[in-house]
PDB file of N, CA and C in Angstrom:
ATOM      1  N   MET A   1      84.899 120.192 102.353  1.00  0.00           N
ATOM      2  CA  MET A   1      85.856 119.186 101.924  1.00  0.00           C
ATOM      3  C   MET A   1      86.982 119.093 102.953  1.00  0.00           C
ATOM      4  N   ALA A   2      87.284 117.883 103.326  1.00  0.00           N
ATOM      5  CA  ALA A   2      88.381 117.650 104.265  1.00  0.00           C
ATOM      6  C   ALA A   2      89.512 116.931 103.539  1.00  0.00           C
ATOM      7  N   GLU A   3      90.716 117.188 103.982  1.00  0.00           N
ATOM      8  CA  GLU A   3      91.887 116.547 103.385  1.00  0.00           C
ATOM      9  C   GLU A   3      92.534 115.636 104.422  1.00  0.00           C
ATOM     10  N   PHE A   4      92.810 114.402 104.006  1.00  0.00           N
ATOM     11  CA  PHE A   4      93.421 113.415 104.891  1.00  0.00           C
ATOM     12  C   PHE A   4      94.732 112.961 104.272  1.00  0.00           C
ATOM     13  N   ILE A   5      95.810 113.037 105.054  1.00  0.00           N
ATOM     14  CA  ILE A   5      97.142 112.704 104.558  1.00  0.00           C
ATOM     15  C   ILE A   5      97.752 111.631 105.454  1.00  0.00           C
ATOM     16  N   GLU A   6      98.233 110.562 104.807  1.00  0.00           N
ATOM     17  CA  GLU A   6      98.942 109.472 105.483  1.00  0.00           C
ATOM     18  C   GLU A   6      98.141 108.888 106.649  1.00  0.00           C
ATOM     19  N   GLN A   7      96.854 108.662 106.421  1.00  0.00           N
ATOM     20  CA  GLN A   7      95.995 108.025 107.407  1.00  0.00           C
ATOM     21  C   GLN A   7      95.813 106.557 107.040  1.00  0.00           C
ATOM     22  N   THR A   8      95.590 105.710 108.032  1.00  0.00           N
ATOM     23  CA  THR A   8      95.272 104.306 107.809  1.00  0.00           C
ATOM     24  C   THR A   8      93.888 104.040 108.387  1.00  0.00           C
ATOM     25  N   TYR A   9      93.036 103.434 107.576  1.00  0.00           N
ATOM     26  CA  TYR A   9      91.675 103.102 107.965  1.00  0.00           C
ATOM     27  C   TYR A   9      91.564 101.582 107.965  1.00  0.00           C
ATOM     28  N   GLY A  10      91.249 101.002 109.122  1.00  0.00           N
ATOM     29  CA  GLY A  10      91.249  99.555 109.262  1.00  0.00           C
ATOM     30  C   GLY A  10      89.857  98.956 109.360  1.00  0.00           C
ATOM     31  N   PRO A  11      89.805  97.665 109.673  1.00  0.00           N
ATOM     32  CA  PRO A  11      88.530  96.959 109.784  1.00  0.00           C
ATOM     33  C   PRO A  11      87.587  97.650 110.771  1.00  0.00           C
ATOM     34  N   GLY A  12      86.319  97.705 110.390  1.00  0.00           N
ATOM     35  CA  GLY A  12      85.309  98.313 111.246  1.00  0.00           C
ATOM     36  C   GLY A  12      85.178  99.812 111.104  1.00  0.00           C
ATOM     37  N   VAL A  13      86.033 100.438 110.305  1.00  0.00           N
ATOM     38  CA  VAL A  13      85.986 101.886 110.125  1.00  0.00           C
ATOM     39  C   VAL A  13      85.128 102.213 108.907  1.00  0.00           C
ATOM     40  N   ASN A  14      84.212 103.171 109.073  1.00  0.00           N
ATOM     41  CA  ASN A  14      83.422 103.695 107.953  1.00  0.00           C
ATOM     42  C   ASN A  14      84.084 104.973 107.460  1.00  0.00           C
ATOM     43  N   VAL A  15      84.413 105.017 106.167  1.00  0.00           N
ATOM     44  CA  VAL A  15      85.071 106.181 105.584  1.00  0.00           C
ATOM     45  C   VAL A  15      84.067 106.896 104.691  1.00  0.00           C
ATOM     46  N   ASP A  16      83.671 108.114 105.073  1.00  0.00           N
ATOM     47  CA  ASP A  16      82.761 108.910 104.254  1.00  0.00           C
ATOM     48  C   ASP A  16      83.576 109.639 103.194  1.00  0.00           C
ATOM     49  N   LEU A  17      83.317 109.290 101.944  1.00  0.00           N
ATOM     50  CA  LEU A  17      84.150 109.780 100.850  1.00  0.00           C
ATOM     51  C   LEU A  17      83.718 111.124 100.270  1.00  0.00           C
ATOM     52  N   ASP A  18      82.434 111.439 100.295  1.00  0.00           N
ATOM     53  CA  ASP A  18      81.912 112.596  99.570  1.00  0.00           C
ATOM     54  C   ASP A  18      82.724 113.864  99.810  1.00  0.00           C
ATOM     55  N   GLY A  19      83.315 114.372  98.728  1.00  0.00           N
ATOM     56  CA  GLY A  19      84.010 115.646  98.761  1.00  0.00           C
ATOM     57  C   GLY A  19      85.364 115.667  99.447  1.00  0.00           C
ATOM     58  N   ASN A  20      85.836 114.548  99.955  1.00  0.00           N
ATOM     59  CA  ASN A  20      87.097 114.535 100.693  1.00  0.00           C
ATOM     60  C   ASN A  20      88.282 114.199  99.795  1.00  0.00           C
ATOM     61  N   ALA A  21      89.468 114.567 100.255  1.00  0.00           N
ATOM     62  CA  ALA A  21      90.714 114.300  99.530  1.00  0.00           C
ATOM     63  C   ALA A  21      91.598 113.405 100.389  1.00  0.00           C
ATOM     64  N   TYR A  22      92.136 112.376  99.767  1.00  0.00           N
ATOM     65  CA  TYR A  22      92.979 111.406 100.470  1.00  0.00           C
ATOM     66  C   TYR A  22      94.328 111.302  99.765  1.00  0.00           C
ATOM     67  N   THR A  23      95.399 111.517 100.503  1.00  0.00           N
ATOM     68  CA  THR A  23      96.747 111.451  99.953  1.00  0.00           C
ATOM     69  C   THR A  23      97.581 110.483 100.783  1.00  0.00           C
ATOM     70  N   ARG A  24      98.198 109.513 100.114  1.00  0.00           N
ATOM     71  CA  ARG A  24      99.061 108.505 100.743  1.00  0.00           C
ATOM     72  C   ARG A  24      98.371 107.807 101.915  1.00  0.00           C
ATOM     73  N   CYS A  25      97.093 107.523 101.762  1.00  0.00           N
ATOM     74  CA  CYS A  25      96.324 106.827 102.796  1.00  0.00           C
ATOM     75  C   CYS A  25      96.244 105.343 102.467  1.00  0.00           C
ATOM     76  N   VAL A  26      95.997 104.547 103.497  1.00  0.00           N
ATOM     77  CA  VAL A  26      95.807 103.101 103.342  1.00  0.00           C
ATOM     78  C   VAL A  26      94.397 102.771 103.809  1.00  0.00           C
ATOM     79  N   PHE A  27      93.644 102.092 102.953  1.00  0.00           N
ATOM     80  CA  PHE A  27      92.296 101.639 103.269  1.00  0.00           C
ATOM     81  C   PHE A  27      92.355 100.120 103.350  1.00  0.00           C
ATOM     82  N   ASP A  28      92.279  99.579 104.563  1.00  0.00           N
ATOM     83  CA  ASP A  28      92.504  98.159 104.791  1.00  0.00           C
ATOM     84  C   ASP A  28      91.258  97.512 105.406  1.00  0.00           C
ATOM     85  N   ARG A  29      90.482  96.859 104.582  1.00  0.00           N
ATOM     86  CA  ARG A  29      89.277  96.142 105.012  1.00  0.00           C
ATOM     87  C   ARG A  29      88.268  97.039 105.715  1.00  0.00           C
ATOM     88  N   CYS A  30      88.247  98.312 105.354  1.00  0.00           N
ATOM     89  CA  CYS A  30      87.266  99.236 105.914  1.00  0.00           C
ATOM     90  C   CYS A  30      86.084  99.349 104.945  1.00  0.00           C
ATOM     91  N   ARG A  31      85.111 100.135 105.351  1.00  0.00           N
ATOM     92  CA  ARG A  31      83.900 100.323 104.546  1.00  0.00           C
ATOM     93  C   ARG A  31      83.945 101.707 103.914  1.00  0.00           C
ATOM     94  N   MET A  32      83.967 101.742 102.579  1.00  0.00           N
ATOM     95  CA  MET A  32      84.027 102.996 101.828  1.00  0.00           C
ATOM     96  C   MET A  32      82.596 103.413 101.500  1.00  0.00           C
ATOM     97  N   HIS A  33      82.197 104.603 101.941  1.00  0.00           N
ATOM     98  CA  HIS A  33      80.819 105.055 101.807  1.00  0.00           C
ATOM     99  C   HIS A  33      80.747 106.283 100.900  1.00  0.00           C
ATOM    100  N   PHE A  34      79.977 106.169  99.803  1.00  0.00           N
ATOM    101  CA  PHE A  34      79.796 107.303  98.896  1.00  0.00           C
ATOM    102  C   PHE A  34      78.312 107.519  98.661  1.00  0.00           C
ATOM    103  N   SER A  35      77.850 108.767  98.846  1.00  0.00           N
ATOM    104  CA  SER A  35      76.431 109.097  98.726  1.00  0.00           C
ATOM    105  C   SER A  35      76.076 109.832  97.444  1.00  0.00           C
ATOM    106  N   GLY A  36      77.057 110.160  96.626  1.00  0.00           N
ATOM    107  CA  GLY A  36      76.760 110.857  95.373  1.00  0.00           C
ATOM    108  C   GLY A  36      76.980 112.347  95.445  1.00  0.00           C
ATOM    109  N   GLY A  37      77.642 112.818  96.485  1.00  0.00           N
ATOM    110  CA  GLY A  37      77.977 114.238  96.578  1.00  0.00           C
ATOM    111  C   GLY A  37      79.193 114.542  95.715  1.00  0.00           C
ATOM    112  N   ALA A  38      79.969 115.526  96.116  1.00  0.00           N
ATOM    113  CA  ALA A  38      81.182 115.869  95.374  1.00  0.00           C
ATOM    114  C   ALA A  38      82.117 114.663  95.333  1.00  0.00           C
ATOM    115  N   LEU A  39      82.765 114.469  94.198  1.00  0.00           N
ATOM    116  CA  LEU A  39      83.656 113.329  94.042  1.00  0.00           C
ATOM    117  C   LEU A  39      84.864 113.448  94.968  1.00  0.00           C
ATOM    118  N   PRO A  40      85.258 112.347  95.580  1.00  0.00           N
ATOM    119  CA  PRO A  40      86.485 112.364  96.382  1.00  0.00           C
ATOM    120  C   PRO A  40      87.698 112.328  95.456  1.00  0.00           C
ATOM    121  N   THR A  41      88.836 112.718  95.980  1.00  0.00           N
ATOM    122  CA  THR A  41      90.075 112.579  95.222  1.00  0.00           C
ATOM    123  C   THR A  41      91.020 111.657  95.983  1.00  0.00           C
ATOM    124  N   PHE A  42      91.799 110.898  95.218  1.00  0.00           N
ATOM    125  CA  PHE A  42      92.747 109.944  95.785  1.00  0.00           C
ATOM    126  C   PHE A  42      94.094 110.154  95.110  1.00  0.00           C
ATOM    127  N   LYS A  43      95.150 110.215  95.906  1.00  0.00           N
ATOM    128  CA  LYS A  43      96.496 110.330  95.359  1.00  0.00           C
ATOM    129  C   LYS A  43      97.413 109.399  96.147  1.00  0.00           C
ATOM    130  N   ASP A  44      98.027 108.462  95.445  1.00  0.00           N
ATOM    131  CA  ASP A  44      98.986 107.525  96.052  1.00  0.00           C
ATOM    132  C   ASP A  44      98.377 106.778  97.243  1.00  0.00           C
ATOM    133  N   VAL A  45      97.173 106.237  97.055  1.00  0.00           N
ATOM    134  CA  VAL A  45      96.523 105.487  98.134  1.00  0.00           C
ATOM    135  C   VAL A  45      96.585 103.990  97.840  1.00  0.00           C
ATOM    136  N   LYS A  46      96.340 103.183  98.869  1.00  0.00           N
ATOM    137  CA  LYS A  46      96.305 101.724  98.730  1.00  0.00           C
ATOM    138  C   LYS A  46      94.966 101.222  99.249  1.00  0.00           C
ATOM    139  N   PHE A  47      94.339 100.334  98.464  1.00  0.00           N
ATOM    140  CA  PHE A  47      93.091  99.701  98.855  1.00  0.00           C
ATOM    141  C   PHE A  47      93.351  98.221  99.085  1.00  0.00           C
ATOM    142  N   ARG A  48      92.943  97.710 100.243  1.00  0.00           N
ATOM    143  CA  ARG A  48      93.100  96.287 100.561  1.00  0.00           C
ATOM    144  C   ARG A  48      91.751  95.736 101.020  1.00  0.00           C
ATOM    145  N   ASP A  49      91.104  94.990 100.143  1.00  0.00           N
ATOM    146  CA  ASP A  49      89.849  94.303 100.491  1.00  0.00           C
ATOM    147  C   ASP A  49      88.814  95.218 101.139  1.00  0.00           C
ATOM    148  N   VAL A  50      88.601  96.395 100.554  1.00  0.00           N
ATOM    149  CA  VAL A  50      87.602  97.313 101.099  1.00  0.00           C
ATOM    150  C   VAL A  50      86.202  96.874 100.684  1.00  0.00           C
ATOM    151  N   ILE A  51      85.221  97.348 101.419  1.00  0.00           N
ATOM    152  CA  ILE A  51      83.819  97.112 101.102  1.00  0.00           C
ATOM    153  C   ILE A  51      83.236  98.450 100.647  1.00  0.00           C
ATOM    154  N   TRP A  52      82.674  98.467  99.446  1.00  0.00           N
ATOM    155  CA  TRP A  52      82.094  99.692  98.899  1.00  0.00           C
ATOM    156  C   TRP A  52      80.617  99.747  99.239  1.00  0.00           C
ATOM    157  N   HIS A  53      80.169 100.878  99.746  1.00  0.00           N
ATOM    158  CA  HIS A  53      78.748 101.089 100.055  1.00  0.00           C
ATOM    159  C   HIS A  53      78.286 102.344  99.323  1.00  0.00           C
ATOM    160  N   TRP A  54      77.235 102.198  98.529  1.00  0.00           N
ATOM    161  CA  TRP A  54      76.688 103.290  97.722  1.00  0.00           C
ATOM    162  C   TRP A  54      75.334 103.663  98.303  1.00  0.00           C
ATOM    163  N   ASP A  55      75.160 104.924  98.662  1.00  0.00           N
ATOM    164  CA  ASP A  55      73.941 105.385  99.290  1.00  0.00           C
ATOM    165  C   ASP A  55      73.440 106.618  98.545  1.00  0.00           C
ATOM    166  N   GLY A  56      72.260 107.092  98.857  1.00  0.00           N
ATOM    167  CA  GLY A  56      71.738 108.325  98.285  1.00  0.00           C
ATOM    168  C   GLY A  56      71.738 108.303  96.770  1.00  0.00           C
ATOM    169  N   ALA A  57      72.144 109.414  96.173  1.00  0.00           N
ATOM    170  CA  ALA A  57      72.139 109.538  94.718  1.00  0.00           C
ATOM    171  C   ALA A  57      73.036 108.500  94.052  1.00  0.00           C
ATOM    172  N   ALA A  58      74.176 108.190  94.667  1.00  0.00           N
ATOM    173  CA  ALA A  58      75.079 107.183  94.096  1.00  0.00           C
ATOM    174  C   ALA A  58      74.400 105.815  94.085  1.00  0.00           C
ATOM    175  N   GLY A  59      73.747 105.446  95.175  1.00  0.00           N
ATOM    176  CA  GLY A  59      73.037 104.177  95.250  1.00  0.00           C
ATOM    177  C   GLY A  59      71.881 104.127  94.268  1.00  0.00           C
ATOM    178  N   ASN A  60      71.170 105.249  94.128  1.00  0.00           N
ATOM    179  CA  ASN A  60      70.056 105.301  93.182  1.00  0.00           C
ATOM    180  C   ASN A  60      70.538 105.129  91.746  1.00  0.00           C
ATOM    181  N   GLY A  61      71.667 105.731  91.414  1.00  0.00           N
ATOM    182  CA  GLY A  61      72.218 105.576  90.067  1.00  0.00           C
ATOM    183  C   GLY A  61      72.591 104.140  89.764  1.00  0.00           C
ATOM    184  N   LEU A  62      73.212 103.470  90.725  1.00  0.00           N
ATOM    185  CA  LEU A  62      73.570 102.065  90.523  1.00  0.00           C
ATOM    186  C   LEU A  62      72.331 101.180  90.474  1.00  0.00           C
ATOM    187  N   ALA A  63      71.310 101.508  91.260  1.00  0.00           N
ATOM    188  CA  ALA A  63      70.057 100.738  91.216  1.00  0.00           C
ATOM    189  C   ALA A  63      69.391 100.884  89.849  1.00  0.00           C
ATOM    190  N   LEU A  64      69.435 102.085  89.282  1.00  0.00           N
ATOM    191  CA  LEU A  64      68.871 102.286  87.945  1.00  0.00           C
ATOM    192  C   LEU A  64      69.641 101.478  86.906  1.00  0.00           C
ATOM    193  N   LEU A  65      70.959 101.498  86.969  1.00  0.00           N
ATOM    194  CA  LEU A  65      71.776 100.722  86.041  1.00  0.00           C
ATOM    195  C   LEU A  65      71.446  99.235  86.154  1.00  0.00           C
ATOM    196  N   SER A  66      71.298  98.742  87.370  1.00  0.00           N
ATOM    197  CA  SER A  66      70.932  97.346  87.590  1.00  0.00           C
ATOM    198  C   SER A  66      69.548  97.038  87.030  1.00  0.00           C
ATOM    199  N   ALA A  67      68.599  97.940  87.239  1.00  0.00           N
ATOM    200  CA  ALA A  67      67.246  97.735  86.720  1.00  0.00           C
ATOM    201  C   ALA A  67      67.250  97.718  85.192  1.00  0.00           C
ATOM    202  N   LEU A  68      67.988  98.632  84.571  1.00  0.00           N
ATOM    203  CA  LEU A  68      68.093  98.632  83.102  1.00  0.00           C
ATOM    204  C   LEU A  68      68.597  97.286  82.609  1.00  0.00           C
ATOM    205  N   TYR A  69      69.633  96.806  83.231  1.00  0.00           N
ATOM    206  CA  TYR A  69      70.263  95.561  82.799  1.00  0.00           C
ATOM    207  C   TYR A  69      69.347  94.355  83.012  1.00  0.00           C
ATOM    208  N   ASN A  70      68.649  94.320  84.137  1.00  0.00           N
ATOM    209  CA  ASN A  70      67.913  93.116  84.519  1.00  0.00           C
ATOM    210  C   ASN A  70      66.426  93.112  84.206  1.00  0.00           C
ATOM    211  N   HIS A  71      65.807  94.276  83.974  1.00  0.00           N
ATOM    212  CA  HIS A  71      64.346  94.298  83.883  1.00  0.00           C
ATOM    213  C   HIS A  71      63.787  95.015  82.654  1.00  0.00           C
ATOM    214  N   PHE A  72      64.629  95.485  81.766  1.00  0.00           N
ATOM    215  CA  PHE A  72      64.125  96.238  80.621  1.00  0.00           C
ATOM    216  C   PHE A  72      64.435  95.562  79.295  1.00  0.00           C
ATOM    217  N   GLY A  73      64.597  94.253  79.335  1.00  0.00           N
ATOM    218  CA  GLY A  73      64.773  93.477  78.113  1.00  0.00           C
ATOM    219  C   GLY A  73      66.077  93.777  77.401  1.00  0.00           C
ATOM    220  N   PRO A  74      66.148  93.354  76.129  1.00  0.00           N
ATOM    221  CA  PRO A  74      67.387  93.506  75.359  1.00  0.00           C
ATOM    222  C   PRO A  74      67.837  94.959  75.208  1.00  0.00           C
ATOM    223  N   THR A  75      66.902  95.886  75.055  1.00  0.00           N
ATOM    224  CA  THR A  75      67.276  97.300  74.895  1.00  0.00           C
ATOM    225  C   THR A  75      67.900  97.842  76.173  1.00  0.00           C
ATOM    226  N   GLY A  76      67.300  97.538  77.308  1.00  0.00           N
ATOM    227  CA  GLY A  76      67.860  97.988  78.583  1.00  0.00           C
ATOM    228  C   GLY A  76      69.225  97.386  78.840  1.00  0.00           C
ATOM    229  N   ARG A  77      69.370  96.101  78.531  1.00  0.00           N
ATOM    230  CA  ARG A  77      70.660  95.424  78.722  1.00  0.00           C
ATOM    231  C   ARG A  77      71.725  96.064  77.828  1.00  0.00           C
ATOM    232  N   ARG A  78      71.364  96.351  76.578  1.00  0.00           N
ATOM    233  CA  ARG A  78      72.308  96.987  75.653  1.00  0.00           C
ATOM    234  C   ARG A  78      72.736  98.357  76.182  1.00  0.00           C
ATOM    235  N   ASP A  79      71.764  99.146  76.645  1.00  0.00           N
ATOM    236  CA  ASP A  79      72.085 100.482  77.164  1.00  0.00           C
ATOM    237  C   ASP A  79      72.970 100.407  78.413  1.00  0.00           C
ATOM    238  N   ALA A  80      72.655  99.470  79.314  1.00  0.00           N
ATOM    239  CA  ALA A  80      73.473  99.309  80.525  1.00  0.00           C
ATOM    240  C   ALA A  80      74.893  98.886  80.161  1.00  0.00           C
ATOM    241  N   GLU A  81      75.022  97.961  79.214  1.00  0.00           N
ATOM    242  CA  GLU A  81      76.357  97.521  78.799  1.00  0.00           C
ATOM    243  C   GLU A  81      77.138  98.641  78.132  1.00  0.00           C
ATOM    244  N   GLU A  82      76.449  99.524  77.392  1.00  0.00           N
ATOM    245  CA  GLU A  82      77.133 100.677  76.803  1.00  0.00           C
ATOM    246  C   GLU A  82      77.656 101.601  77.896  1.00  0.00           C
ATOM    247  N   MET A  83      76.852 101.821  78.937  1.00  0.00           N
ATOM    248  CA  MET A  83      77.307 102.661  80.057  1.00  0.00           C
ATOM    249  C   MET A  83      78.530 102.039  80.726  1.00  0.00           C
ATOM    250  N   ILE A  84      78.517 100.728  80.913  1.00  0.00           N
ATOM    251  CA  ILE A  84      79.646 100.042  81.540  1.00  0.00           C
ATOM    252  C   ILE A  84      80.888 100.143  80.662  1.00  0.00           C
ATOM    253  N   ARG A  85      80.727 100.006  79.342  1.00  0.00           N
ATOM    254  CA  ARG A  85      81.866 100.179  78.427  1.00  0.00           C
ATOM    255  C   ARG A  85      82.435 101.587  78.543  1.00  0.00           C
ATOM    256  N   ASN A  86      81.562 102.584  78.623  1.00  0.00           N
ATOM    257  CA  ASN A  86      82.015 103.972  78.767  1.00  0.00           C
ATOM    258  C   ASN A  86      82.765 104.172  80.082  1.00  0.00           C
ATOM    259  N   ILE A  87      82.300 103.535  81.147  1.00  0.00           N
ATOM    260  CA  ILE A  87      82.997 103.621  82.437  1.00  0.00           C
ATOM    261  C   ILE A  87      84.384 103.010  82.307  1.00  0.00           C
ATOM    262  N   ARG A  88      84.462 101.828  81.685  1.00  0.00           N
ATOM    263  CA  ARG A  88      85.761 101.167  81.529  1.00  0.00           C
ATOM    264  C   ARG A  88      86.735 101.987  80.701  1.00  0.00           C
ATOM    265  N   SER A  89      86.219 102.711  79.700  1.00  0.00           N
ATOM    266  CA  SER A  89      87.098 103.482  78.812  1.00  0.00           C
ATOM    267  C   SER A  89      87.464 104.845  79.397  1.00  0.00           C
ATOM    268  N   GLY A  90      86.770 105.251  80.460  1.00  0.00           N
ATOM    269  CA  GLY A  90      87.053 106.546  81.070  1.00  0.00           C
ATOM    270  C   GLY A  90      86.305 107.687  80.445  1.00  0.00           C
ATOM    271  N   LYS A  91      85.387 107.416  79.524  1.00  0.00           N
ATOM    272  CA  LYS A  91      84.615 108.489  78.919  1.00  0.00           C
ATOM    273  C   LYS A  91      83.154 108.323  79.308  1.00  0.00           C
ATOM    274  N   MET A  92      82.531 109.425  79.604  1.00  0.00           N
ATOM    275  CA  MET A  92      81.124 109.385  79.985  1.00  0.00           C
ATOM    276  C   MET A  92      80.312 110.175  78.963  1.00  0.00           C
ATOM    277  N   ARG A  93      79.348 109.511  78.352  1.00  0.00           N
ATOM    278  CA  ARG A  93      78.477 110.178  77.389  1.00  0.00           C
ATOM    279  C   ARG A  93      77.443 110.971  78.172  1.00  0.00           C
ATOM    280  N   THR A  94      77.278 112.245  77.868  1.00  0.00           N
ATOM    281  CA  THR A  94      76.370 113.092  78.628  1.00  0.00           C
ATOM    282  C   THR A  94      75.201 113.614  77.816  1.00  0.00           C
ATOM    283  N   GLU A  95      75.134 113.333  76.512  1.00  0.00           N
ATOM    284  CA  GLU A  95      73.990 113.848  75.741  1.00  0.00           C
ATOM    285  C   GLU A  95      72.856 112.872  75.733  1.00  0.00           C
TER     286      GLU A  95
END
């Protein structure tokens, strides 16, 4: 895990998020990359028009959520919407 303090990331910069800590950083039109490793931490940061890129396990999880919603009929759509509601509320059902 690396810690970054008061850094600015601009256009054309790829920021690898997995396991890193960011404090008082500015992300300005850069590409945010998360592969599903350890969660990054953010404290007092600013995001300006960033591009999110999900790869590895993180990308696979989002692809599964998309498949549930789009290809598994009403039951899949209901389950995907429940997961999205849980994300919005800040609670994650794990059973």
